[in-house]
Protein backbone atom coordinates (compact mmCIF):
# COMPACT_ATOMS: atom_id res chain seq x y z
CA MET A 1 13.38 139.67 32.50
CA ASP A 2 11.87 138.31 29.33
CA ILE A 3 14.10 136.69 26.72
CA ALA A 4 13.40 139.36 24.07
CA THR A 5 14.71 142.09 26.40
CA ALA A 6 17.83 140.05 27.18
CA LEU A 7 18.51 139.46 23.47
CA GLU A 8 18.11 143.17 22.76
CA TYR A 9 20.79 143.82 25.38
CA VAL A 10 23.16 141.33 23.69
CA ARG A 11 22.64 143.01 20.31
CA SER A 12 24.46 146.07 21.69
CA HIS A 13 26.71 144.51 24.38
CA HIS A 14 28.93 141.72 23.03
CA ARG A 15 31.31 140.94 25.91
CA GLY A 16 30.51 138.10 28.20
CA VAL A 17 31.39 134.86 29.92
CA LEU A 18 30.14 131.43 28.84
CA VAL A 19 29.71 128.78 31.53
CA THR A 20 29.78 125.09 30.51
CA ARG A 21 30.02 121.87 32.50
CA ARG A 22 33.15 119.74 32.69
CA GLY A 23 33.00 115.97 32.62
CA ASP A 24 33.47 115.84 36.41
CA GLY A 25 30.48 118.17 36.90
CA GLY A 26 32.57 121.25 37.67
CA LEU A 27 32.02 124.51 35.87
CA GLN A 28 34.28 125.90 33.18
CA THR A 29 34.17 129.58 32.20
CA SER A 30 35.30 131.20 28.96
CA PRO A 31 35.44 134.88 28.01
CA ILE A 32 33.47 135.30 24.77
CA ALA A 33 32.05 137.76 22.29
CA ALA A 34 28.43 136.98 21.48
CA GLY A 35 25.81 138.21 19.06
CA VAL A 36 22.24 137.28 18.21
CA ASP A 37 21.27 135.49 14.99
CA ASP A 38 18.07 135.91 12.98
CA SER A 39 16.50 133.00 14.90
CA GLY A 40 16.97 134.66 18.29
CA ARG A 41 19.88 132.46 19.40
CA LEU A 42 23.08 133.70 21.00
CA VAL A 43 25.98 132.99 18.64
CA ILE A 44 29.59 132.53 19.70
CA SER A 45 32.60 131.72 17.53
CA SER A 46 35.06 129.15 18.82
CA ARG A 47 37.78 126.74 17.72
CA GLU A 48 37.01 123.02 17.39
CA THR A 49 39.69 122.22 19.97
CA ALA A 50 38.37 124.49 22.75
CA TYR A 51 37.26 122.95 26.05
CA LYS A 52 33.92 124.75 25.85
CA VAL A 53 33.17 122.87 22.62
CA ARG A 54 34.11 119.52 24.18
CA ASN A 55 31.95 120.33 27.21
CA LEU A 56 28.93 121.38 25.13
CA ARG A 57 29.13 118.28 22.95
CA ARG A 58 28.78 116.18 26.11
CA ASP A 59 26.29 118.43 27.93
CA PRO A 60 24.55 121.18 25.91
CA ARG A 61 23.48 123.26 28.93
CA ALA A 62 24.99 126.74 28.74
CA THR A 63 24.84 129.92 30.78
CA VAL A 64 26.01 133.23 29.36
CA CYS A 65 26.55 136.39 31.40
CA MET A 66 26.78 139.50 29.20
CA PHE A 67 27.93 142.89 30.43
CA THR A 68 28.96 146.35 29.29
CA ASP A 69 32.41 147.23 27.96
CA ARG A 70 32.92 149.20 31.17
CA TRP A 71 32.35 145.97 33.16
CA TYR A 72 30.28 147.55 35.94
CA GLY A 73 26.68 148.42 35.19
CA ASP A 74 23.79 146.59 33.60
CA TRP A 75 24.19 142.91 32.74
CA VAL A 76 22.07 139.94 31.72
CA GLN A 77 22.26 136.20 32.25
CA ILE A 78 20.83 133.83 29.67
CA ASP A 79 20.45 130.10 30.27
CA GLY A 80 19.80 127.73 27.42
CA SER A 81 20.73 124.77 25.34
CA ALA A 82 23.61 124.94 22.87
CA ASP A 83 24.21 123.26 19.55
CA ILE A 84 27.29 123.47 17.39
CA GLN A 85 27.43 124.33 13.72
CA TRP A 86 30.60 123.04 12.04
CA LEU A 87 32.38 124.12 8.87
CA PRO A 88 31.62 124.19 6.01
CA GLU A 89 27.96 124.89 6.97
CA ALA A 90 29.09 127.40 9.60
CA MET A 91 30.96 129.68 7.16
CA GLU A 92 28.17 132.09 6.19
CA PRO A 93 26.75 132.16 9.75
CA LEU A 94 30.30 133.03 10.95
CA VAL A 95 30.31 135.90 8.45
CA ALA A 96 26.92 137.06 9.81
CA TYR A 97 28.27 136.73 13.37
CA TYR A 98 31.22 138.99 12.54
CA ARG A 99 29.01 141.55 10.81
CA GLY A 100 26.63 141.63 13.77
CA ILE A 101 29.43 142.36 16.23
CA ALA A 102 32.06 144.30 14.29
CA GLY A 103 30.54 145.40 10.96
CA GLU A 104 32.19 144.83 7.60
CA HIS A 105 35.52 143.03 7.39
CA PRO A 106 38.20 144.65 5.17
CA ASP A 107 38.89 141.33 3.37
CA TRP A 108 36.18 138.66 3.49
CA ASP A 109 38.33 136.15 1.57
CA ASP A 110 41.01 136.50 4.25
CA TYR A 111 38.37 136.14 6.98
CA ARG A 112 37.01 132.94 5.42
CA SER A 113 40.53 131.53 5.07
CA ALA A 114 41.21 132.30 8.74
CA MET A 115 37.99 130.53 9.77
CA GLU A 116 39.13 127.39 7.93
CA ARG A 117 42.73 127.62 9.12
CA ASP A 118 41.65 128.11 12.75
CA ARG A 119 39.01 125.36 12.48
CA ARG A 120 36.28 127.74 13.66
CA LEU A 121 32.70 126.80 14.39
CA LEU A 122 29.60 128.52 15.69
CA ILE A 123 28.05 127.79 19.08
CA ARG A 124 24.34 128.62 19.04
CA VAL A 125 22.56 128.96 22.39
CA THR A 126 18.77 128.78 22.35
CA PRO A 127 17.58 130.92 25.29
CA GLU A 128 15.29 129.28 27.84
CA ARG A 129 15.57 131.77 30.72
CA ALA A 130 16.89 135.28 31.23
CA GLY A 131 17.52 137.59 34.14
CA PRO A 132 17.98 139.43 36.39
CA ASP A 133 14.55 140.85 37.03
CA ARG A 134 15.82 143.18 39.74
CA SER A 135 19.09 144.34 41.26
CA GLY A 136 20.18 143.55 44.78
């Protein structure tokens, strides 16, 4: 599967699992909601204190498996390298992330306050590989 096809899937299917690497080399999984930014990166909102953030700061390799709301059916896996965008620079990209997944927020001032209060950031995964190319 080419990366463009995988990203198109993520634009309409936002539920997934992010896989990062722990310090001991083990894998850590996190349920996430993901979107796609204007640069073709997967974007994921998280809190500064989350293990996935700690893991990605140490080792930026990330794997994301995205699937339908029904769970069974089509799915895609995207492997790539992640970087983290922190507040205050992350605020407008967090707004764009929300819009891309859920549409307009009823109170953007409240949303921005919640992002600051929760110490939110944006994980951006640059895709390097995508699949599957066939089903088994």
